[in-house]
């Protein structure tokens, strides 16, 4: 874990760690290019209908997710830290320009490290309290984020990203 984020707190935080057999630079590109992110970012049959990325601290990170029934969920937020090919930290607690949000849920972090045959992929969800962490876990954090990591690797292996 990076000093920027602080130590993992199992009472408040959720973590997904994987070794995926795709290179770091393609994982980074998939996470930071709206057209690519829309292809894998939510477990199917859900979809991402909109994605905005302004890749700088205070810049927008927004997705609109659509359920199979057509209900849409707008998730605006901003980046807190951007270290190419290494770390993305984003939150819905702040909107672009660091404006406070009305209903914060979590801060997310993606940590990447190169391996001989791929990438060590760590996703963190950092919460304000134990109830919010428990709610996120009950919503299916591990299955959902795990499915998304698998979809990400499959998307990259399909050759859609160069």
N, C-alpha and C. Protein backbone atom coordinates (compact mmCIF):
# COMPACT_ATOMS: atom_id res chain seq x y z
N UNK A 1 0.84 -1.18 0.00
CA UNK A 1 0.00 0.00 0.00
C UNK A 1 0.88 1.24 0.00
N UNK A 2 0.42 2.27 -0.59
CA UNK A 2 1.22 3.48 -0.69
C UNK A 2 1.02 4.38 0.52
N UNK A 3 2.01 5.20 0.81
CA UNK A 3 1.91 6.14 1.92
C UNK A 3 0.80 7.15 1.66
N UNK A 4 0.50 7.43 0.40
CA UNK A 4 -0.54 8.39 0.06
C UNK A 4 -1.89 7.96 0.61
N UNK A 5 -2.16 6.67 0.56
CA UNK A 5 -3.47 6.15 0.93
C UNK A 5 -3.54 5.85 2.43
N UNK A 6 -2.47 5.42 3.02
CA UNK A 6 -2.50 5.05 4.43
C UNK A 6 -2.66 3.56 4.60
N UNK A 7 -2.52 3.06 5.80
CA UNK A 7 -2.60 1.61 6.02
C UNK A 7 -4.02 1.08 5.79
N UNK A 8 -4.08 -0.15 5.31
CA UNK A 8 -5.36 -0.83 5.10
C UNK A 8 -6.00 -1.06 6.46
N UNK A 9 -7.26 -0.69 6.58
CA UNK A 9 -8.02 -0.87 7.82
C UNK A 9 -9.16 -1.84 7.52
N UNK A 10 -9.06 -3.09 7.95
CA UNK A 10 -10.10 -4.07 7.59
C UNK A 10 -11.48 -3.73 8.14
N UNK A 11 -11.57 -2.90 9.13
CA UNK A 11 -12.88 -2.49 9.65
C UNK A 11 -13.57 -1.49 8.74
N UNK A 12 -12.78 -0.78 7.92
CA UNK A 12 -13.34 0.29 7.09
C UNK A 12 -13.12 0.08 5.59
N UNK A 13 -12.17 -0.76 5.23
CA UNK A 13 -11.74 -0.85 3.83
C UNK A 13 -12.00 -2.24 3.26
N UNK A 14 -12.15 -2.30 1.95
CA UNK A 14 -12.26 -3.55 1.21
C UNK A 14 -11.13 -3.60 0.20
N UNK A 15 -10.65 -4.81 -0.06
CA UNK A 15 -9.51 -4.94 -0.97
C UNK A 15 -9.69 -6.14 -1.89
N UNK A 16 -9.31 -5.96 -3.14
CA UNK A 16 -9.26 -7.04 -4.11
C UNK A 16 -7.85 -7.06 -4.68
N UNK A 17 -7.18 -8.20 -4.59
CA UNK A 17 -5.83 -8.33 -5.16
C UNK A 17 -5.84 -9.48 -6.15
N UNK A 18 -5.22 -9.22 -7.29
CA UNK A 18 -5.13 -10.22 -8.34
C UNK A 18 -3.79 -10.09 -9.06
N UNK A 19 -3.35 -11.18 -9.62
CA UNK A 19 -2.29 -11.14 -10.62
C UNK A 19 -2.98 -11.43 -11.94
N UNK A 20 -2.90 -10.49 -12.85
CA UNK A 20 -3.55 -10.68 -14.15
C UNK A 20 -2.48 -10.69 -15.23
N UNK A 21 -2.69 -11.52 -16.24
CA UNK A 21 -1.65 -11.76 -17.24
C UNK A 21 -1.75 -10.81 -18.45
N UNK A 22 -1.82 -9.55 -18.13
CA UNK A 22 -1.76 -8.49 -19.14
C UNK A 22 -0.83 -7.41 -18.63
N UNK A 23 -0.16 -6.67 -19.52
CA UNK A 23 0.83 -5.69 -19.08
C UNK A 23 0.22 -4.44 -18.43
N UNK A 24 0.99 -3.86 -17.51
CA UNK A 24 0.56 -2.68 -16.76
C UNK A 24 0.12 -1.55 -17.69
N UNK A 25 0.87 -1.30 -18.75
CA UNK A 25 0.53 -0.14 -19.58
C UNK A 25 -0.82 -0.28 -20.26
N UNK A 26 -1.25 -1.52 -20.52
CA UNK A 26 -2.57 -1.71 -21.12
C UNK A 26 -3.68 -1.63 -20.06
N UNK A 27 -3.38 -2.08 -18.84
CA UNK A 27 -4.35 -1.92 -17.75
C UNK A 27 -4.58 -0.43 -17.50
N UNK A 28 -3.49 0.31 -17.50
CA UNK A 28 -3.60 1.77 -17.30
C UNK A 28 -4.44 2.40 -18.40
N UNK A 29 -4.18 2.02 -19.62
CA UNK A 29 -4.93 2.58 -20.75
C UNK A 29 -6.41 2.23 -20.65
N UNK A 30 -6.73 1.01 -20.23
CA UNK A 30 -8.12 0.59 -20.09
C UNK A 30 -8.84 1.38 -19.00
N UNK A 31 -8.12 1.74 -17.94
CA UNK A 31 -8.71 2.49 -16.84
C UNK A 31 -8.81 3.99 -17.13
N UNK A 32 -8.05 4.49 -18.08
CA UNK A 32 -7.97 5.95 -18.25
C UNK A 32 -8.48 6.46 -19.60
N UNK A 33 -9.07 5.58 -20.39
CA UNK A 33 -9.63 5.95 -21.68
C UNK A 33 -11.13 5.63 -21.67
N UNK A 34 -11.99 6.66 -21.73
CA UNK A 34 -13.43 6.41 -21.61
C UNK A 34 -13.95 5.32 -22.56
N UNK A 35 -13.55 5.33 -23.81
CA UNK A 35 -14.08 4.34 -24.76
C UNK A 35 -13.72 2.92 -24.33
N UNK A 36 -12.55 2.74 -23.76
CA UNK A 36 -12.15 1.41 -23.28
C UNK A 36 -12.85 1.06 -21.98
N UNK A 37 -12.90 2.00 -21.03
CA UNK A 37 -13.48 1.74 -19.72
C UNK A 37 -14.94 1.30 -19.85
N UNK A 38 -15.67 1.87 -20.79
CA UNK A 38 -17.07 1.54 -20.98
C UNK A 38 -17.28 0.07 -21.36
N UNK A 39 -16.25 -0.59 -21.85
CA UNK A 39 -16.38 -1.97 -22.32
C UNK A 39 -16.29 -3.02 -21.21
N UNK A 40 -15.73 -2.67 -20.03
CA UNK A 40 -15.48 -3.71 -19.03
C UNK A 40 -15.76 -3.29 -17.59
N UNK A 41 -16.10 -2.05 -17.30
CA UNK A 41 -16.06 -1.47 -15.95
C UNK A 41 -17.15 -1.97 -15.00
N UNK A 42 -18.23 -2.56 -15.50
CA UNK A 42 -19.27 -3.10 -14.63
C UNK A 42 -19.55 -4.55 -15.04
N UNK A 43 -19.95 -5.39 -14.06
CA UNK A 43 -20.26 -6.78 -14.42
C UNK A 43 -21.42 -6.85 -15.40
N UNK A 44 -21.26 -7.62 -16.46
CA UNK A 44 -22.33 -7.80 -17.44
C UNK A 44 -23.45 -8.60 -16.78
N UNK A 45 -24.71 -8.32 -17.06
CA UNK A 45 -25.23 -7.56 -18.19
C UNK A 45 -25.39 -6.06 -17.94
N UNK A 46 -24.88 -5.54 -16.81
CA UNK A 46 -24.88 -4.10 -16.62
C UNK A 46 -23.99 -3.48 -17.69
N UNK A 47 -24.15 -2.16 -17.90
CA UNK A 47 -23.30 -1.48 -18.86
C UNK A 47 -22.98 -0.08 -18.37
N UNK A 48 -21.97 0.52 -18.97
CA UNK A 48 -21.62 1.93 -18.72
C UNK A 48 -22.05 2.69 -19.96
N UNK A 49 -22.99 3.63 -19.78
CA UNK A 49 -23.49 4.38 -20.93
C UNK A 49 -22.74 5.69 -21.15
N UNK A 50 -22.16 6.23 -20.07
CA UNK A 50 -21.38 7.46 -20.19
C UNK A 50 -20.14 7.35 -19.32
N UNK A 51 -19.08 8.00 -19.76
CA UNK A 51 -17.84 8.02 -18.98
C UNK A 51 -17.10 9.32 -19.30
N UNK A 52 -16.74 10.05 -18.25
CA UNK A 52 -15.93 11.26 -18.39
C UNK A 52 -14.67 11.09 -17.55
N UNK A 53 -13.55 11.41 -18.14
CA UNK A 53 -12.27 11.31 -17.45
C UNK A 53 -11.44 12.55 -17.76
N UNK A 54 -11.05 13.25 -16.71
CA UNK A 54 -10.08 14.35 -16.80
C UNK A 54 -8.96 13.96 -15.84
N UNK A 55 -7.95 13.35 -16.38
CA UNK A 55 -6.94 12.62 -15.62
C UNK A 55 -5.93 13.54 -14.95
N UNK A 56 -6.38 14.16 -13.86
CA UNK A 56 -5.52 15.03 -13.04
C UNK A 56 -6.19 15.19 -11.69
N UNK A 57 -5.45 15.45 -10.63
CA UNK A 57 -6.09 15.68 -9.33
C UNK A 57 -7.11 16.80 -9.44
N UNK A 58 -8.32 16.53 -8.97
CA UNK A 58 -9.43 17.47 -9.09
C UNK A 58 -10.20 17.33 -10.37
N UNK A 59 -9.71 16.56 -11.31
CA UNK A 59 -10.40 16.34 -12.58
C UNK A 59 -11.52 15.32 -12.42
N UNK A 60 -12.49 15.41 -13.30
CA UNK A 60 -13.67 14.56 -13.19
C UNK A 60 -13.38 13.09 -13.49
N UNK A 61 -14.02 12.23 -12.71
CA UNK A 61 -14.13 10.79 -13.01
C UNK A 61 -15.60 10.45 -12.78
N UNK A 62 -16.33 10.30 -13.88
CA UNK A 62 -17.77 10.07 -13.81
C UNK A 62 -18.16 8.93 -14.74
N UNK A 63 -19.02 8.06 -14.19
CA UNK A 63 -19.61 7.02 -15.01
C UNK A 63 -21.12 7.01 -14.78
N UNK A 64 -21.85 6.59 -15.79
CA UNK A 64 -23.28 6.32 -15.66
C UNK A 64 -23.44 4.83 -15.96
N UNK A 65 -23.92 4.10 -14.94
CA UNK A 65 -24.10 2.65 -15.08
C UNK A 65 -25.58 2.36 -15.31
N UNK A 66 -25.84 1.42 -16.21
CA UNK A 66 -27.23 1.05 -16.54
C UNK A 66 -27.47 -0.41 -16.16
N UNK A 67 -28.57 -0.62 -15.42
CA UNK A 67 -28.96 -1.98 -15.04
C UNK A 67 -29.57 -2.67 -16.25
N UNK A 68 -29.72 -4.01 -16.19
CA UNK A 68 -30.39 -4.72 -17.29
C UNK A 68 -31.83 -4.25 -17.51
N UNK A 69 -32.45 -3.69 -16.45
CA UNK A 69 -33.82 -3.19 -16.56
C UNK A 69 -33.88 -1.77 -17.10
N UNK A 70 -32.73 -1.14 -17.32
CA UNK A 70 -32.69 0.20 -17.89
C UNK A 70 -32.54 1.32 -16.89
N UNK A 71 -32.46 0.99 -15.60
CA UNK A 71 -32.27 2.03 -14.58
C UNK A 71 -30.82 2.51 -14.62
N UNK A 72 -30.64 3.83 -14.54
CA UNK A 72 -29.28 4.39 -14.63
C UNK A 72 -28.83 4.98 -13.30
N UNK A 73 -27.54 4.84 -13.02
CA UNK A 73 -26.93 5.34 -11.80
C UNK A 73 -25.73 6.21 -12.17
N UNK A 74 -25.86 7.50 -11.87
CA UNK A 74 -24.80 8.46 -12.18
C UNK A 74 -23.83 8.50 -11.00
N UNK A 75 -22.55 8.32 -11.27
CA UNK A 75 -21.52 8.30 -10.23
C UNK A 75 -20.46 9.35 -10.52
N UNK A 76 -20.71 10.60 -10.11
CA UNK A 76 -19.69 11.64 -10.32
C UNK A 76 -18.69 11.67 -9.18
N UNK A 77 -17.48 12.08 -9.49
CA UNK A 77 -16.43 12.21 -8.50
C UNK A 77 -15.22 12.88 -9.11
N UNK A 78 -14.11 12.80 -8.42
CA UNK A 78 -12.89 13.37 -8.98
C UNK A 78 -11.67 12.53 -8.58
N UNK A 79 -10.61 12.76 -9.29
CA UNK A 79 -9.33 12.10 -8.97
C UNK A 79 -8.64 12.87 -7.85
N UNK A 80 -8.01 12.11 -6.97
CA UNK A 80 -7.20 12.69 -5.90
C UNK A 80 -5.72 12.56 -6.21
N UNK A 81 -5.35 11.47 -6.87
CA UNK A 81 -3.94 11.20 -7.17
C UNK A 81 -3.85 10.41 -8.46
N UNK A 82 -2.93 10.81 -9.31
CA UNK A 82 -2.73 10.14 -10.59
C UNK A 82 -1.23 9.94 -10.79
N UNK A 83 -0.78 8.71 -10.76
CA UNK A 83 0.62 8.38 -11.03
C UNK A 83 0.60 7.36 -12.17
N UNK A 84 0.91 7.79 -13.39
CA UNK A 84 0.76 6.91 -14.55
C UNK A 84 1.41 5.54 -14.36
N UNK A 85 0.62 4.52 -14.71
CA UNK A 85 1.03 3.12 -14.70
C UNK A 85 1.29 2.59 -13.30
N UNK A 86 0.92 3.35 -12.27
CA UNK A 86 1.18 2.93 -10.89
C UNK A 86 -0.04 3.09 -9.97
N UNK A 87 -0.71 4.24 -10.03
CA UNK A 87 -1.73 4.50 -9.03
C UNK A 87 -2.78 5.50 -9.54
N UNK A 88 -4.05 5.17 -9.28
CA UNK A 88 -5.17 6.08 -9.46
C UNK A 88 -5.95 6.10 -8.16
N UNK A 89 -6.19 7.27 -7.63
CA UNK A 89 -7.03 7.40 -6.43
C UNK A 89 -8.15 8.36 -6.80
N UNK A 90 -9.39 7.91 -6.57
CA UNK A 90 -10.55 8.70 -6.94
C UNK A 90 -11.59 8.59 -5.83
N UNK A 91 -12.51 9.54 -5.81
CA UNK A 91 -13.53 9.55 -4.76
C UNK A 91 -14.83 10.13 -5.27
N UNK A 92 -15.92 9.70 -4.64
CA UNK A 92 -17.21 10.34 -4.90
C UNK A 92 -17.55 11.30 -3.75
N UNK A 93 -16.63 11.47 -2.80
CA UNK A 93 -16.82 12.43 -1.70
C UNK A 93 -16.58 13.85 -2.17
N UNK A 94 -15.86 13.98 -3.28
CA UNK A 94 -15.58 15.28 -3.86
C UNK A 94 -15.93 15.25 -5.34
N UNK A 95 -16.43 16.36 -5.81
CA UNK A 95 -16.76 16.52 -7.23
C UNK A 95 -15.58 17.23 -7.91
N UNK A 96 -15.62 17.37 -9.22
CA UNK A 96 -14.53 18.07 -9.90
C UNK A 96 -14.22 19.41 -9.26
N UNK A 97 -12.94 19.74 -9.21
CA UNK A 97 -12.50 20.96 -8.56
C UNK A 97 -12.50 20.85 -7.05
N UNK A 98 -12.62 19.63 -6.54
CA UNK A 98 -12.62 19.35 -5.10
C UNK A 98 -13.83 19.92 -4.38
N UNK A 99 -14.97 20.11 -5.08
CA UNK A 99 -16.21 20.55 -4.44
C UNK A 99 -16.79 19.39 -3.64
N UNK A 100 -17.19 19.61 -2.40
CA UNK A 100 -17.79 18.52 -1.61
C UNK A 100 -19.06 17.98 -2.27
N UNK A 101 -19.22 16.65 -2.21
CA UNK A 101 -20.40 16.00 -2.76
C UNK A 101 -21.46 15.86 -1.68
N UNK A 102 -22.71 15.72 -2.11
CA UNK A 102 -23.82 15.63 -1.16
C UNK A 102 -23.87 14.28 -0.44
N UNK A 103 -23.62 13.18 -1.17
CA UNK A 103 -23.75 11.85 -0.59
C UNK A 103 -22.51 11.01 -0.88
N UNK A 104 -21.44 11.24 -0.15
CA UNK A 104 -20.24 10.43 -0.41
C UNK A 104 -20.42 8.98 0.03
N UNK A 105 -19.80 8.09 -0.72
CA UNK A 105 -19.89 6.66 -0.41
C UNK A 105 -18.52 6.06 -0.13
N UNK A 106 -17.57 6.33 -1.04
CA UNK A 106 -16.25 5.74 -0.83
C UNK A 106 -15.18 6.45 -1.65
N UNK A 107 -13.95 6.13 -1.30
CA UNK A 107 -12.79 6.52 -2.08
C UNK A 107 -12.19 5.23 -2.63
N UNK A 108 -11.86 5.23 -3.90
CA UNK A 108 -11.30 4.05 -4.55
C UNK A 108 -9.84 4.28 -4.90
N UNK A 109 -9.10 3.20 -4.90
CA UNK A 109 -7.70 3.27 -5.32
C UNK A 109 -7.39 2.06 -6.17
N UNK A 110 -6.70 2.29 -7.24
CA UNK A 110 -6.19 1.24 -8.10
C UNK A 110 -4.67 1.31 -8.01
N UNK A 111 -4.06 0.21 -7.59
CA UNK A 111 -2.60 0.15 -7.47
C UNK A 111 -2.11 -0.91 -8.45
N UNK A 112 -1.15 -0.54 -9.28
CA UNK A 112 -0.61 -1.44 -10.29
C UNK A 112 0.88 -1.64 -10.09
N UNK A 113 1.35 -2.86 -10.30
CA UNK A 113 2.78 -3.14 -10.24
C UNK A 113 3.10 -4.17 -11.32
N UNK A 114 4.18 -3.95 -12.06
CA UNK A 114 4.53 -4.91 -13.11
C UNK A 114 5.04 -6.22 -12.53
N UNK A 115 4.65 -7.31 -13.17
CA UNK A 115 5.17 -8.64 -12.87
C UNK A 115 5.86 -9.15 -14.13
N UNK A 116 6.58 -10.23 -14.03
CA UNK A 116 7.28 -10.79 -15.19
C UNK A 116 6.29 -11.08 -16.32
N UNK A 117 5.13 -11.65 -15.96
CA UNK A 117 4.14 -12.02 -16.97
C UNK A 117 2.81 -11.32 -16.80
N UNK A 118 2.84 -10.08 -16.31
CA UNK A 118 1.57 -9.40 -16.16
C UNK A 118 1.60 -8.25 -15.16
N UNK A 119 0.55 -8.18 -14.37
CA UNK A 119 0.34 -7.04 -13.48
C UNK A 119 -0.21 -7.51 -12.13
N UNK A 120 0.36 -6.98 -11.06
CA UNK A 120 -0.29 -7.12 -9.75
C UNK A 120 -1.32 -6.00 -9.67
N UNK A 121 -2.56 -6.38 -9.52
CA UNK A 121 -3.71 -5.48 -9.60
C UNK A 121 -4.36 -5.44 -8.23
N UNK A 122 -4.35 -4.28 -7.61
CA UNK A 122 -4.96 -4.12 -6.28
C UNK A 122 -5.99 -3.00 -6.36
N UNK A 123 -7.20 -3.32 -5.97
CA UNK A 123 -8.27 -2.32 -5.92
C UNK A 123 -8.72 -2.18 -4.47
N UNK A 124 -8.80 -0.96 -4.01
CA UNK A 124 -9.21 -0.67 -2.64
C UNK A 124 -10.47 0.18 -2.65
N UNK A 125 -11.33 -0.09 -1.70
CA UNK A 125 -12.51 0.76 -1.46
C UNK A 125 -12.42 1.20 0.00
N UNK A 126 -12.27 2.49 0.20
CA UNK A 126 -12.05 3.07 1.52
C UNK A 126 -13.32 3.79 1.95
N UNK A 127 -13.82 3.43 3.13
CA UNK A 127 -15.11 3.96 3.59
C UNK A 127 -14.96 4.79 4.86
N UNK A 128 -15.97 5.59 5.12
CA UNK A 128 -15.98 6.48 6.28
C UNK A 128 -16.31 5.75 7.58
N UNK A 129 -17.14 4.69 7.49
CA UNK A 129 -17.53 3.99 8.71
C UNK A 129 -17.77 2.50 8.40
N UNK A 130 -17.90 1.71 9.47
CA UNK A 130 -18.05 0.27 9.32
C UNK A 130 -19.36 -0.10 8.63
N UNK A 131 -20.41 0.66 8.88
CA UNK A 131 -21.71 0.36 8.26
C UNK A 131 -21.64 0.52 6.74
N UNK A 132 -20.97 1.55 6.29
CA UNK A 132 -20.84 1.77 4.84
C UNK A 132 -19.97 0.68 4.22
N UNK A 133 -18.90 0.31 4.92
CA UNK A 133 -18.06 -0.79 4.43
C UNK A 133 -18.89 -2.07 4.32
N UNK A 134 -19.65 -2.39 5.36
CA UNK A 134 -20.47 -3.61 5.37
C UNK A 134 -21.51 -3.56 4.25
N UNK A 135 -22.11 -2.40 4.04
CA UNK A 135 -23.09 -2.25 2.97
C UNK A 135 -22.46 -2.52 1.61
N UNK A 136 -21.26 -1.97 1.40
CA UNK A 136 -20.56 -2.17 0.12
C UNK A 136 -20.20 -3.64 -0.07
N UNK A 137 -19.79 -4.29 1.01
CA UNK A 137 -19.46 -5.72 0.92
C UNK A 137 -20.72 -6.53 0.59
N UNK A 138 -21.85 -6.20 1.22
CA UNK A 138 -23.10 -6.91 0.97
C UNK A 138 -23.64 -6.65 -0.43
N UNK A 139 -23.29 -5.50 -1.00
CA UNK A 139 -23.68 -5.19 -2.38
C UNK A 139 -22.93 -6.07 -3.37
N UNK A 140 -21.89 -6.77 -2.88
CA UNK A 140 -21.14 -7.68 -3.74
C UNK A 140 -19.80 -7.14 -4.19
N UNK A 141 -19.14 -6.39 -3.33
CA UNK A 141 -17.85 -5.80 -3.70
C UNK A 141 -16.91 -6.86 -4.29
N UNK A 142 -16.66 -7.94 -3.55
CA UNK A 142 -15.64 -8.90 -4.00
C UNK A 142 -16.02 -9.59 -5.31
N UNK A 143 -17.27 -10.04 -5.42
CA UNK A 143 -17.70 -10.68 -6.67
C UNK A 143 -17.71 -9.67 -7.82
N UNK A 144 -18.26 -8.48 -7.56
CA UNK A 144 -18.38 -7.47 -8.61
C UNK A 144 -17.03 -6.96 -9.10
N UNK A 145 -16.19 -6.57 -8.17
CA UNK A 145 -14.88 -6.04 -8.57
C UNK A 145 -14.00 -7.16 -9.13
N UNK A 146 -14.20 -8.40 -8.63
CA UNK A 146 -13.47 -9.54 -9.19
C UNK A 146 -13.90 -9.82 -10.62
N UNK A 147 -15.20 -9.79 -10.85
CA UNK A 147 -15.72 -9.98 -12.22
C UNK A 147 -15.19 -8.91 -13.15
N UNK A 148 -15.16 -7.68 -12.66
CA UNK A 148 -14.67 -6.57 -13.47
C UNK A 148 -13.19 -6.74 -13.80
N UNK A 149 -12.40 -7.22 -12.85
CA UNK A 149 -10.97 -7.45 -13.12
C UNK A 149 -10.81 -8.52 -14.19
N UNK A 150 -11.64 -9.55 -14.14
CA UNK A 150 -11.61 -10.60 -15.17
C UNK A 150 -12.03 -10.03 -16.51
N UNK A 151 -13.09 -9.24 -16.54
CA UNK A 151 -13.55 -8.61 -17.79
C UNK A 151 -12.48 -7.69 -18.36
N UNK A 152 -11.79 -6.96 -17.50
CA UNK A 152 -10.71 -6.08 -17.93
C UNK A 152 -9.62 -6.88 -18.64
N UNK A 153 -9.16 -7.96 -18.01
CA UNK A 153 -8.10 -8.78 -18.61
C UNK A 153 -8.57 -9.39 -19.94
N UNK A 154 -9.80 -9.87 -19.98
CA UNK A 154 -10.34 -10.46 -21.22
C UNK A 154 -10.43 -9.41 -22.32
N UNK A 155 -10.84 -8.21 -21.95
CA UNK A 155 -10.95 -7.13 -22.94
C UNK A 155 -9.58 -6.81 -23.53
N UNK A 156 -8.58 -6.73 -22.66
CA UNK A 156 -7.22 -6.44 -23.15
C UNK A 156 -6.73 -7.58 -24.04
N UNK A 157 -6.96 -8.81 -23.62
CA UNK A 157 -6.50 -9.96 -24.41
C UNK A 157 -7.22 -10.07 -25.76
N UNK A 158 -8.40 -9.45 -25.86
CA UNK A 158 -9.13 -9.51 -27.14
C UNK A 158 -8.43 -8.71 -28.24
N UNK A 159 -7.45 -7.88 -27.82
CA UNK A 159 -6.73 -7.08 -28.80
C UNK A 159 -7.36 -5.71 -29.04
N UNK A 160 -8.36 -5.36 -28.24
CA UNK A 160 -9.05 -4.08 -28.42
C UNK A 160 -8.18 -2.89 -28.03
N UNK A 161 -7.16 -3.14 -27.22
CA UNK A 161 -6.24 -2.08 -26.78
C UNK A 161 -4.84 -2.41 -27.28
N UNK A 162 -4.18 -1.41 -27.81
CA UNK A 162 -2.80 -1.61 -28.30
C UNK A 162 -1.85 -0.70 -27.57
